[in-house]
Amino acid sequence: MPDVNIHSLKALAIFKTLFEAGSASQAARTLGITQSGVSRSLSQLEQNLGLELFLREKNRLVATPEARELYEEILRLMGNIDELRHSVLALKEFGTSRLRIAAIPGLAFGFVPRLVAALLEDNRGFSISFDMMSSHDVLREVESGHADIGFVTLPVTSRQLRVEEWLTTHARCLVPRGHPLATRTAVNIGDLEDQYLVISNQPNVGADPLLNLATTHGIHIGGKTEANIGAITALVANGVGVSVMNPITATDQLSQRDGVVVLPFTPEIDFSFGLVYREDWKHARALEFIRACGRELLKEYPG
């Protein structure tokens, strides 16, 4: 079996330069060593590996197929070494080289991606896994260790996790531009009488806060479309109906749309969001960064 040690690693580096240069003389100039040193290193490497890497033809070196495959393996090895270097830098800065994030859909379309971008801004070697799921599933993933931190809709309870409340914000009403309600300065629950609504699909439709509010005030709605929260603003923009949404999700989704008017809504519907993590993460430097950066990002949102 070929012996790969510190000396053969040096010989592999010389081989890489020789393969790229195409001649021993050019490789020697690039490396700052003698041509005979290059030739001697190549011979020792071929002997150690038991492979013929170059054919000698009229003072020319012609790479063999084995040489090309070895060169590609060296490039992969160098890529792994570079990845290791970035991981070490991430360890020094954040105390970990990877971060697994689980987040509710309401924060997954803009806020969390912006947070990830900020984390990677100075350290591209940081490895991040990001999944979108319900609050219940976020709790389960963090409790089981499949995720390190999670963004949830509050309130939640867990005997295993720390729960930090980040903010409570008030819902906004989303109205198609050109809709009769779009000229209002604010929308009241009474204004939704006989209006067609767009709401988020949930396992239990009765859990929708807007429908509950309409029922409490005796408001008759004209109908409803239930959709994934990521599609609600698009549906409103296309004139399907009126919706009520937390301003963070609305802001993230409406950045590229001008067909929606966003108005204050009364009575207030509160949306609360928070961060969950395990006890062993309470002093993690990565968590400190996310906490500080996340709170700064939230200042950019209305409400």
C-alpha atoms as a PDB file:
ATOM      1  CA  MET A   1       0.000   0.000   0.000  1.00  0.00           C
ATOM      2  CA  PRO A   2       1.392   3.454  -0.891  1.00  0.00           C
ATOM      3  CA  ASP A   3       2.676   5.418   2.083  1.00  0.00           C
ATOM      4  CA  VAL A   4       1.123   8.906   2.228  1.00  0.00           C
ATOM      5  CA  ASN A   5       3.010  11.128   4.671  1.00  0.00           C
ATOM      6  CA  ILE A   6       4.176  14.717   4.957  1.00  0.00           C
ATOM      7  CA  HIS A   7       6.881  14.107   2.360  1.00  0.00           C
ATOM      8  CA  SER A   8       4.481  12.600  -0.174  1.00  0.00           C
ATOM      9  CA  LEU A   9       2.069  15.511   0.412  1.00  0.00           C
ATOM     10  CA  LYS A  10       4.891  17.858  -0.569  1.00  0.00           C
ATOM     11  CA  ALA A  11       5.553  15.693  -3.624  1.00  0.00           C
ATOM     12  CA  LEU A  12       1.851  15.869  -4.528  1.00  0.00           C
ATOM     13  CA  ALA A  13       2.031  19.656  -4.384  1.00  0.00           C
ATOM     14  CA  ILE A  14       5.024  19.602  -6.738  1.00  0.00           C
ATOM     15  CA  PHE A  15       3.159  17.184  -9.021  1.00  0.00           C
ATOM     16  CA  LYS A  16       0.169  19.536  -9.153  1.00  0.00           C
ATOM     17  CA  THR A  17       2.379  22.429 -10.218  1.00  0.00           C
ATOM     18  CA  LEU A  18       4.146  20.231 -12.779  1.00  0.00           C
ATOM     19  CA  PHE A  19       0.832  19.030 -14.219  1.00  0.00           C
ATOM     20  CA  GLU A  20      -0.391  22.611 -14.589  1.00  0.00           C
ATOM     21  CA  ALA A  21       2.921  23.983 -15.932  1.00  0.00           C
ATOM     22  CA  GLY A  22       3.458  21.204 -18.475  1.00  0.00           C
ATOM     23  CA  SER A  23       7.246  21.127 -18.069  1.00  0.00           C
ATOM     24  CA  ALA A  24       9.746  20.525 -15.301  1.00  0.00           C
ATOM     25  CA  SER A  25      11.594  23.764 -16.079  1.00  0.00           C
ATOM     26  CA  GLN A  26       8.444  25.902 -15.786  1.00  0.00           C
ATOM     27  CA  ALA A  27       7.363  24.083 -12.624  1.00  0.00           C
ATOM     28  CA  ALA A  28      10.818  24.677 -11.115  1.00  0.00           C
ATOM     29  CA  ARG A  29      10.579  28.411 -11.845  1.00  0.00           C
ATOM     30  CA  THR A  30       7.092  28.572 -10.349  1.00  0.00           C
ATOM     31  CA  LEU A  31       8.143  26.714  -7.203  1.00  0.00           C
ATOM     32  CA  GLY A  32      11.551  28.381  -6.883  1.00  0.00           C
ATOM     33  CA  ILE A  33      13.441  25.083  -6.833  1.00  0.00           C
ATOM     34  CA  THR A  34      15.791  23.374  -9.261  1.00  0.00           C
ATOM     35  CA  GLN A  35      14.585  21.406 -12.250  1.00  0.00           C
ATOM     36  CA  SER A  36      16.426  18.367 -10.957  1.00  0.00           C
ATOM     37  CA  GLY A  37      14.520  18.764  -7.669  1.00  0.00           C
ATOM     38  CA  VAL A  38      11.232  18.619  -9.569  1.00  0.00           C
ATOM     39  CA  SER A  39      12.330  15.515 -11.510  1.00  0.00           C
ATOM     40  CA  ARG A  40      13.586  13.781  -8.380  1.00  0.00           C
ATOM     41  CA  SER A  41      10.322  14.512  -6.524  1.00  0.00           C
ATOM     42  CA  LEU A  42       8.311  13.134  -9.454  1.00  0.00           C
ATOM     43  CA  SER A  43      10.353   9.920  -9.582  1.00  0.00           C
ATOM     44  CA  GLN A  44       9.962   9.383  -5.841  1.00  0.00           C
ATOM     45  CA  LEU A  45       6.208   9.992  -6.066  1.00  0.00           C
ATOM     46  CA  GLU A  46       5.801   7.542  -8.964  1.00  0.00           C
ATOM     47  CA  GLN A  47       7.795   4.944  -7.059  1.00  0.00           C
ATOM     48  CA  ASN A  48       5.818   5.492  -3.871  1.00  0.00           C
ATOM     49  CA  LEU A  49       2.426   5.308  -5.629  1.00  0.00           C
ATOM     50  CA  GLY A  50       3.408   2.561  -8.026  1.00  0.00           C
ATOM     51  CA  LEU A  51       2.071   4.620 -10.946  1.00  0.00           C
ATOM     52  CA  GLU A  52       3.573   6.105 -14.063  1.00  0.00           C
ATOM     53  CA  LEU A  53       2.339   9.686 -14.099  1.00  0.00           C
ATOM     54  CA  PHE A  54       4.202  11.072 -17.105  1.00  0.00           C
ATOM     55  CA  LEU A  55       5.587   9.579 -20.303  1.00  0.00           C
ATOM     56  CA  ARG A  56       9.032  10.855 -21.283  1.00  0.00           C
ATOM     57  CA  GLU A  57       9.004  11.616 -24.983  1.00  0.00           C
ATOM     58  CA  LYS A  58      11.925  13.551 -26.533  1.00  0.00           C
ATOM     59  CA  ASN A  59      12.580  15.607 -23.409  1.00  0.00           C
ATOM     60  CA  ARG A  60       8.841  16.199 -22.997  1.00  0.00           C
ATOM     61  CA  LEU A  61       6.569  15.083 -20.206  1.00  0.00           C
ATOM     62  CA  VAL A  62       3.184  13.749 -21.368  1.00  0.00           C
ATOM     63  CA  ALA A  63       0.631  13.227 -18.608  1.00  0.00           C
ATOM     64  CA  THR A  64      -0.927   9.773 -18.365  1.00  0.00           C
ATOM     65  CA  PRO A  65      -4.649   9.193 -17.630  1.00  0.00           C
ATOM     66  CA  GLU A  66      -3.606   8.213 -14.109  1.00  0.00           C
ATOM     67  CA  ALA A  67      -1.925  11.605 -13.719  1.00  0.00           C
ATOM     68  CA  ARG A  68      -5.093  13.443 -14.737  1.00  0.00           C
ATOM     69  CA  GLU A  69      -7.205  11.471 -12.268  1.00  0.00           C
ATOM     70  CA  LEU A  70      -4.655  12.076  -9.509  1.00  0.00           C
ATOM     71  CA  TYR A  71      -4.682  15.801 -10.329  1.00  0.00           C
ATOM     72  CA  GLU A  72      -8.489  15.917  -9.987  1.00  0.00           C
ATOM     73  CA  GLU A  73      -8.270  14.109  -6.654  1.00  0.00           C
ATOM     74  CA  ILE A  74      -5.729  16.687  -5.453  1.00  0.00           C
ATOM     75  CA  LEU A  75      -8.097  19.516  -6.446  1.00  0.00           C
ATOM     76  CA  ARG A  76     -10.887  17.875  -4.435  1.00  0.00           C
ATOM     77  CA  LEU A  77      -8.517  17.462  -1.488  1.00  0.00           C
ATOM     78  CA  MET A  78      -7.550  21.129  -1.670  1.00  0.00           C
ATOM     79  CA  GLY A  79     -11.228  22.085  -1.736  1.00  0.00           C
ATOM     80  CA  ASN A  80     -11.806  20.042   1.419  1.00  0.00           C
ATOM     81  CA  ILE A  81      -8.822  21.685   3.082  1.00  0.00           C
ATOM     82  CA  ASP A  82     -10.167  25.120   2.159  1.00  0.00           C
ATOM     83  CA  GLU A  83     -13.560  24.160   3.565  1.00  0.00           C
ATOM     84  CA  LEU A  84     -11.837  22.994   6.763  1.00  0.00           C
ATOM     85  CA  ARG A  85     -10.053  26.337   7.019  1.00  0.00           C
ATOM     86  CA  HIS A  86     -13.366  28.206   6.790  1.00  0.00           C
ATOM     87  CA  SER A  87     -14.900  25.868   9.383  1.00  0.00           C
ATOM     88  CA  VAL A  88     -12.057  26.623  11.799  1.00  0.00           C
ATOM     89  CA  LEU A  89     -12.627  30.362  11.298  1.00  0.00           C
ATOM     90  CA  ALA A  90     -16.333  29.862  12.020  1.00  0.00           C
ATOM     91  CA  LEU A  91     -15.482  27.887  15.156  1.00  0.00           C
ATOM     92  CA  LYS A  92     -13.242  30.705  16.374  1.00  0.00           C
ATOM     93  CA  GLU A  93     -15.856  33.389  15.707  1.00  0.00           C
ATOM     94  CA  PHE A  94     -19.145  31.681  16.595  1.00  0.00           C
ATOM     95  CA  GLY A  95     -18.163  28.603  18.627  1.00  0.00           C
ATOM     96  CA  THR A  96     -19.635  26.291  15.975  1.00  0.00           C
ATOM     97  CA  SER A  97     -19.133  25.705  12.269  1.00  0.00           C
ATOM     98  CA  ARG A  98     -22.745  24.823  11.484  1.00  0.00           C
ATOM     99  CA  LEU A  99     -26.185  26.054  12.410  1.00  0.00           C
ATOM    100  CA  ARG A 100     -29.512  24.310  11.862  1.00  0.00           C
ATOM    101  CA  ILE A 101     -32.477  26.688  11.840  1.00  0.00           C
ATOM    102  CA  ALA A 102     -36.190  25.842  11.838  1.00  0.00           C
ATOM    103  CA  ALA A 103     -38.691  28.661  11.336  1.00  0.00           C
ATOM    104  CA  ILE A 104     -42.387  29.260  10.905  1.00  0.00           C
ATOM    105  CA  PRO A 105     -43.504  30.290   7.389  1.00  0.00           C
ATOM    106  CA  GLY A 106     -44.374  33.793   8.572  1.00  0.00           C
ATOM    107  CA  LEU A 107     -40.682  34.562   9.148  1.00  0.00           C
ATOM    108  CA  ALA A 108     -39.221  32.325   6.454  1.00  0.00           C
ATOM    109  CA  PHE A 109     -39.836  34.470   3.373  1.00  0.00           C
ATOM    110  CA  GLY A 110     -37.582  37.378   4.248  1.00  0.00           C
ATOM    111  CA  PHE A 111     -36.597  37.837   7.868  1.00  0.00           C
ATOM    112  CA  VAL A 112     -34.746  34.550   8.451  1.00  0.00           C
ATOM    113  CA  PRO A 113     -33.061  34.593   4.990  1.00  0.00           C
ATOM    114  CA  ARG A 114     -31.782  38.106   5.775  1.00  0.00           C
ATOM    115  CA  LEU A 115     -30.498  36.830   9.105  1.00  0.00           C
ATOM    116  CA  VAL A 116     -28.696  33.953   7.364  1.00  0.00           C
ATOM    117  CA  ALA A 117     -27.147  36.389   4.878  1.00  0.00           C
ATOM    118  CA  ALA A 118     -25.845  38.543   7.738  1.00  0.00           C
ATOM    119  CA  LEU A 119     -24.338  35.502   9.419  1.00  0.00           C
ATOM    120  CA  LEU A 120     -22.540  34.494   6.225  1.00  0.00           C
ATOM    121  CA  GLU A 121     -21.438  37.995   5.299  1.00  0.00           C
ATOM    122  CA  ASP A 122     -18.041  37.666   6.971  1.00  0.00           C
ATOM    123  CA  ASN A 123     -17.717  33.887   7.027  1.00  0.00           C
ATOM    124  CA  ARG A 124     -18.795  31.981   3.927  1.00  0.00           C
ATOM    125  CA  GLY A 125     -17.503  28.732   5.418  1.00  0.00           C
ATOM    126  CA  PHE A 126     -20.339  28.628   7.931  1.00  0.00           C
ATOM    127  CA  SER A 127     -22.611  25.669   7.159  1.00  0.00           C
ATOM    128  CA  ILE A 128     -26.327  26.410   7.555  1.00  0.00           C
ATOM    129  CA  SER A 129     -29.421  24.249   7.290  1.00  0.00           C
ATOM    130  CA  PHE A 130     -32.759  26.094   7.091  1.00  0.00           C
ATOM    131  CA  ASP A 131     -36.209  24.461   7.179  1.00  0.00           C
ATOM    132  CA  MET A 132     -39.692  25.985   7.193  1.00  0.00           C
ATOM    133  CA  MET A 133     -42.425  24.337   9.271  1.00  0.00           C
ATOM    134  CA  SER A 134     -45.219  24.938  11.766  1.00  0.00           C
ATOM    135  CA  SER A 135     -44.530  26.136  15.322  1.00  0.00           C
ATOM    136  CA  HIS A 136     -45.343  22.690  16.676  1.00  0.00           C
ATOM    137  CA  ASP A 137     -42.846  21.073  14.333  1.00  0.00           C
ATOM    138  CA  VAL A 138     -40.209  23.718  15.114  1.00  0.00           C
ATOM    139  CA  LEU A 139     -40.467  22.819  18.808  1.00  0.00           C
ATOM    140  CA  ARG A 140     -40.180  19.125  18.017  1.00  0.00           C
ATOM    141  CA  GLU A 141     -37.131  19.625  15.791  1.00  0.00           C
ATOM    142  CA  VAL A 142     -35.261  21.723  18.369  1.00  0.00           C
ATOM    143  CA  GLU A 143     -36.213  19.413  21.256  1.00  0.00           C
ATOM    144  CA  SER A 144     -34.943  16.367  19.347  1.00  0.00           C
ATOM    145  CA  GLY A 145     -31.680  18.087  18.400  1.00  0.00           C
ATOM    146  CA  HIS A 146     -32.439  18.043  14.666  1.00  0.00           C
ATOM    147  CA  ALA A 147     -32.407  21.860  14.771  1.00  0.00           C
ATOM    148  CA  ASP A 148     -30.286  24.138  16.950  1.00  0.00           C
ATOM    149  CA  ILE A 149     -32.604  27.131  17.144  1.00  0.00           C
ATOM    150  CA  GLY A 150     -36.174  27.786  16.070  1.00  0.00           C
ATOM    151  CA  PHE A 151     -38.440  30.730  15.343  1.00  0.00           C
ATOM    152  CA  VAL A 152     -42.000  30.168  16.549  1.00  0.00           C
ATOM    153  CA  THR A 153     -45.380  31.824  16.944  1.00  0.00           C
ATOM    154  CA  LEU A 154     -46.059  32.517  20.613  1.00  0.00           C
ATOM    155  CA  PRO A 155     -47.285  31.383  22.989  1.00  0.00           C
ATOM    156  CA  VAL A 156     -45.575  27.996  23.136  1.00  0.00           C
ATOM    157  CA  THR A 157     -44.583  25.814  26.061  1.00  0.00           C
ATOM    158  CA  SER A 158     -41.726  23.353  26.360  1.00  0.00           C
ATOM    159  CA  ARG A 159     -40.125  21.760  29.390  1.00  0.00           C
ATOM    160  CA  GLN A 160     -36.926  21.183  27.455  1.00  0.00           C
ATOM    161  CA  LEU A 161     -36.368  24.495  25.686  1.00  0.00           C
ATOM    162  CA  ARG A 162     -35.705  28.096  26.514  1.00  0.00           C
ATOM    163  CA  VAL A 163     -38.297  30.407  24.983  1.00  0.00           C
ATOM    164  CA  GLU A 164     -37.471  34.050  24.255  1.00  0.00           C
ATOM    165  CA  GLU A 165     -40.205  36.467  23.263  1.00  0.00           C
ATOM    166  CA  TRP A 166     -38.901  38.731  20.502  1.00  0.00           C
ATOM    167  CA  LEU A 167     -41.833  40.914  19.570  1.00  0.00           C
ATOM    168  CA  THR A 168     -45.587  41.338  19.437  1.00  0.00           C
ATOM    169  CA  THR A 169     -46.990  43.175  16.440  1.00  0.00           C
ATOM    170  CA  HIS A 170     -50.446  44.118  15.231  1.00  0.00           C
ATOM    171  CA  ALA A 171     -52.078  42.776  12.087  1.00  0.00           C
ATOM    172  CA  ARG A 172     -52.470  44.847   8.940  1.00  0.00           C
ATOM    173  CA  CYS A 173     -55.256  44.563   6.394  1.00  0.00           C
ATOM    174  CA  LEU A 174     -54.196  43.737   2.826  1.00  0.00           C
ATOM    175  CA  VAL A 175     -56.559  45.037   0.164  1.00  0.00           C
ATOM    176  CA  PRO A 176     -56.281  44.761  -3.637  1.00  0.00           C
ATOM    177  CA  ARG A 177     -55.452  48.110  -5.227  1.00  0.00           C
ATOM    178  CA  GLY A 178     -58.670  49.381  -6.788  1.00  0.00           C
ATOM    179  CA  HIS A 179     -60.842  47.663  -4.167  1.00  0.00           C
ATOM    180  CA  PRO A 180     -63.456  49.952  -2.506  1.00  0.00           C
ATOM    181  CA  LEU A 181     -61.683  49.535   0.847  1.00  0.00           C
ATOM    182  CA  ALA A 182     -58.345  50.666  -0.630  1.00  0.00           C
ATOM    183  CA  THR A 183     -59.333  54.323  -0.256  1.00  0.00           C
ATOM    184  CA  ARG A 184     -59.804  54.005   3.498  1.00  0.00           C
ATOM    185  CA  THR A 185     -57.200  55.166   6.003  1.00  0.00           C
ATOM    186  CA  ALA A 186     -57.965  52.096   8.140  1.00  0.00           C
ATOM    187  CA  VAL A 187     -60.164  49.005   8.023  1.00  0.00           C
ATOM    188  CA  ASN A 188     -62.498  47.895  10.806  1.00  0.00           C
ATOM    189  CA  ILE A 189     -63.905  44.409  11.273  1.00  0.00           C
ATOM    190  CA  GLY A 190     -67.305  45.827  10.329  1.00  0.00           C
ATOM    191  CA  ASP A 191     -65.943  46.791   6.909  1.00  0.00           C
ATOM    192  CA  LEU A 192     -65.491  43.103   6.113  1.00  0.00           C
ATOM    193  CA  GLU A 193     -69.235  42.450   6.001  1.00  0.00           C
ATOM    194  CA  ASP A 194     -69.912  40.353   2.857  1.00  0.00           C
ATOM    195  CA  GLN A 195     -66.269  40.653   1.776  1.00  0.00           C
ATOM    196  CA  TYR A 196     -64.392  37.713   0.269  1.00  0.00           C
ATOM    197  CA  LEU A 197     -61.398  36.794   2.462  1.00  0.00           C
ATOM    198  CA  VAL A 198     -58.040  35.158   1.850  1.00  0.00           C
ATOM    199  CA  ILE A 199     -56.794  33.307   4.922  1.00  0.00           C
ATOM    200  CA  SER A 200     -53.972  30.917   5.740  1.00  0.00           C
ATOM    201  CA  ASN A 201     -54.781  27.232   5.566  1.00  0.00           C
ATOM    202  CA  GLN A 202     -54.645  25.564   8.965  1.00  0.00           C
ATOM    203  CA  PRO A 203     -55.521  22.093  10.275  1.00  0.00           C
ATOM    204  CA  ASN A 204     -58.389  23.746  12.121  1.00  0.00           C
ATOM    205  CA  VAL A 205     -60.048  26.622  10.244  1.00  0.00           C
ATOM    206  CA  GLY A 206     -61.622  27.707  13.538  1.00  0.00           C
ATOM    207  CA  ALA A 207     -58.143  28.655  14.739  1.00  0.00           C
ATOM    208  CA  ASP A 208     -57.915  31.509  12.231  1.00  0.00           C
ATOM    209  CA  PRO A 209     -57.971  34.765  14.254  1.00  0.00           C
ATOM    210  CA  LEU A 210     -59.748  36.765  11.539  1.00  0.00           C
ATOM    211  CA  LEU A 211     -62.596  34.248  11.229  1.00  0.00           C
ATOM    212  CA  ASN A 212     -62.918  34.113  15.010  1.00  0.00           C
ATOM    213  CA  LEU A 213     -63.090  37.906  15.164  1.00  0.00           C
ATOM    214  CA  ALA A 214     -65.736  37.992  12.429  1.00  0.00           C
ATOM    215  CA  THR A 215     -67.808  35.401  14.282  1.00  0.00           C
ATOM    216  CA  THR A 216     -67.481  37.292  17.581  1.00  0.00           C
ATOM    217  CA  HIS A 217     -68.756  40.511  15.946  1.00  0.00           C
ATOM    218  CA  GLY A 218     -71.481  38.792  13.952  1.00  0.00           C
ATOM    219  CA  ILE A 219     -69.870  39.629  10.615  1.00  0.00           C
ATOM    220  CA  HIS A 220     -71.066  37.679   7.590  1.00  0.00           C
ATOM    221  CA  ILE A 221     -68.277  37.041   5.078  1.00  0.00           C
ATOM    222  CA  GLY A 222     -68.885  36.554   1.379  1.00  0.00           C
ATOM    223  CA  GLY A 223     -66.564  33.548   1.119  1.00  0.00           C
ATOM    224  CA  LYS A 224     -62.984  32.544   1.647  1.00  0.00           C
ATOM    225  CA  THR A 225     -59.917  31.111  -0.063  1.00  0.00           C
ATOM    226  CA  GLU A 226     -57.513  29.194   2.139  1.00  0.00           C
ATOM    227  CA  ALA A 227     -53.897  29.224   0.989  1.00  0.00           C
ATOM    228  CA  ASN A 228     -50.324  28.712   2.084  1.00  0.00           C
ATOM    229  CA  ILE A 229     -49.142  31.880   3.756  1.00  0.00           C
ATOM    230  CA  GLY A 230     -46.553  32.322   1.007  1.00  0.00           C
ATOM    231  CA  ALA A 231     -49.323  32.733  -1.578  1.00  0.00           C
ATOM    232  CA  ILE A 232     -51.671  35.060   0.286  1.00  0.00           C
ATOM    233  CA  THR A 233     -50.191  38.373  -0.902  1.00  0.00           C
ATOM    234  CA  ALA A 234     -50.159  37.130  -4.511  1.00  0.00           C
ATOM    235  CA  LEU A 235     -53.817  36.203  -4.230  1.00  0.00           C
ATOM    236  CA  VAL A 236     -54.690  39.621  -2.811  1.00  0.00           C
ATOM    237  CA  ALA A 237     -52.641  41.355  -5.516  1.00  0.00           C
ATOM    238  CA  ASN A 238     -54.641  39.461  -8.136  1.00  0.00           C
ATOM    239  CA  GLY A 239     -57.923  40.655  -6.695  1.00  0.00           C
ATOM    240  CA  VAL A 240     -59.034  37.401  -5.077  1.00  0.00           C
ATOM    241  CA  GLY A 241     -59.982  39.026  -1.803  1.00  0.00           C
ATOM    242  CA  VAL A 242     -59.007  40.837   1.376  1.00  0.00           C
ATOM    243  CA  SER A 243     -56.645  39.434   4.003  1.00  0.00           C
ATOM    244  CA  VAL A 244     -55.272  40.265   7.429  1.00  0.00           C
ATOM    245  CA  MET A 245     -51.642  39.444   8.110  1.00  0.00           C
ATOM    246  CA  ASN A 246     -48.803  40.266  10.468  1.00  0.00           C
ATOM    247  CA  PRO A 247     -46.726  43.168   9.052  1.00  0.00           C
ATOM    248  CA  ILE A 248     -43.416  41.265   9.013  1.00  0.00           C
ATOM    249  CA  THR A 249     -44.668  38.600   6.611  1.00  0.00           C
ATOM    250  CA  ALA A 250     -46.566  41.207   4.596  1.00  0.00           C
ATOM    251  CA  THR A 251     -43.491  43.434   4.253  1.00  0.00           C
ATOM    252  CA  ASP A 252     -41.281  40.530   3.159  1.00  0.00           C
ATOM    253  CA  GLN A 253     -43.741  39.354   0.548  1.00  0.00           C
ATOM    254  CA  LEU A 254     -44.862  42.734  -0.787  1.00  0.00           C
ATOM    255  CA  SER A 255     -41.420  44.115  -1.657  1.00  0.00           C
ATOM    256  CA  GLN A 256     -41.961  43.215  -5.323  1.00  0.00           C
ATOM    257  CA  ARG A 257     -45.706  43.892  -5.514  1.00  0.00           C
ATOM    258  CA  ASP A 258     -47.581  47.151  -6.046  1.00  0.00           C
ATOM    259  CA  GLY A 259     -51.064  45.691  -6.392  1.00  0.00           C
ATOM    260  CA  VAL A 260     -51.761  45.623  -2.659  1.00  0.00           C
ATOM    261  CA  VAL A 261     -52.673  48.406  -0.237  1.00  0.00           C
ATOM    262  CA  VAL A 262     -51.697  47.807   3.413  1.00  0.00           C
ATOM    263  CA  LEU A 263     -53.894  49.491   6.021  1.00  0.00           C
ATOM    264  CA  PRO A 264     -54.224  49.524   9.822  1.00  0.00           C
ATOM    265  CA  PHE A 265     -56.841  47.110  11.139  1.00  0.00           C
ATOM    266  CA  THR A 266     -59.083  47.271  14.187  1.00  0.00           C
ATOM    267  CA  PRO A 267     -59.782  45.743  16.592  1.00  0.00           C
ATOM    268  CA  GLU A 268     -56.173  44.709  16.980  1.00  0.00           C
ATOM    269  CA  ILE A 269     -55.113  41.157  16.220  1.00  0.00           C
ATOM    270  CA  ASP A 270     -51.780  40.457  17.882  1.00  0.00           C
ATOM    271  CA  PHE A 271     -49.054  38.237  16.465  1.00  0.00           C
ATOM    272  CA  SER A 272     -46.183  37.285  18.773  1.00  0.00           C
ATOM    273  CA  PHE A 273     -42.930  35.679  17.681  1.00  0.00           C
ATOM    274  CA  GLY A 274     -40.077  34.177  19.625  1.00  0.00           C
ATOM    275  CA  LEU A 275     -36.896  32.128  19.587  1.00  0.00           C
ATOM    276  CA  VAL A 276     -36.464  28.668  21.095  1.00  0.00           C
ATOM    277  CA  TYR A 277     -33.257  26.763  21.817  1.00  0.00           C
ATOM    278  CA  ARG A 278     -31.877  24.072  24.094  1.00  0.00           C
ATOM    279  CA  GLU A 279     -30.187  24.772  27.410  1.00  0.00           C
ATOM    280  CA  ASP A 280     -26.730  23.911  26.046  1.00  0.00           C
ATOM    281  CA  TRP A 281     -27.067  26.720  23.496  1.00  0.00           C
ATOM    282  CA  LYS A 282     -27.711  29.523  25.981  1.00  0.00           C
ATOM    283  CA  HIS A 283     -24.089  30.756  25.889  1.00  0.00           C
ATOM    284  CA  ALA A 284     -23.377  30.010  22.208  1.00  0.00           C
ATOM    285  CA  ARG A 285     -21.704  32.913  20.404  1.00  0.00           C
ATOM    286  CA  ALA A 286     -23.739  32.118  17.293  1.00  0.00           C
ATOM    287  CA  LEU A 287     -26.914  32.616  19.335  1.00  0.00           C
ATOM    288  CA  GLU A 288     -25.629  35.957  20.619  1.00  0.00           C
ATOM    289  CA  PHE A 289     -25.002  37.093  17.045  1.00  0.00           C
ATOM    290  CA  ILE A 290     -28.459  35.976  15.868  1.00  0.00           C
ATOM    291  CA  ARG A 291     -30.131  37.644  18.833  1.00  0.00           C
ATOM    292  CA  ALA A 292     -28.365  40.972  18.262  1.00  0.00           C
ATOM    293  CA  CYS A 293     -28.642  40.945  14.464  1.00  0.00           C
ATOM    294  CA  GLY A 294     -32.240  39.738  14.505  1.00  0.00           C
ATOM    295  CA  ARG A 295     -33.395  42.495  16.803  1.00  0.00           C
ATOM    296  CA  GLU A 296     -31.721  45.095  14.582  1.00  0.00           C
ATOM    297  CA  LEU A 297     -33.448  43.663  11.512  1.00  0.00           C
ATOM    298  CA  LEU A 298     -36.828  43.772  13.240  1.00  0.00           C
ATOM    299  CA  LYS A 299     -36.466  47.546  13.694  1.00  0.00           C
ATOM    300  CA  GLU A 300     -36.763  47.895   9.921  1.00  0.00           C
ATOM    301  CA  TYR A 301     -40.285  46.458   9.896  1.00  0.00           C
ATOM    302  CA  PRO A 302     -43.439  48.510  10.509  1.00  0.00           C
ATOM    303  CA  GLY A 303     -45.133  48.215  13.865  1.00  0.00           C
END
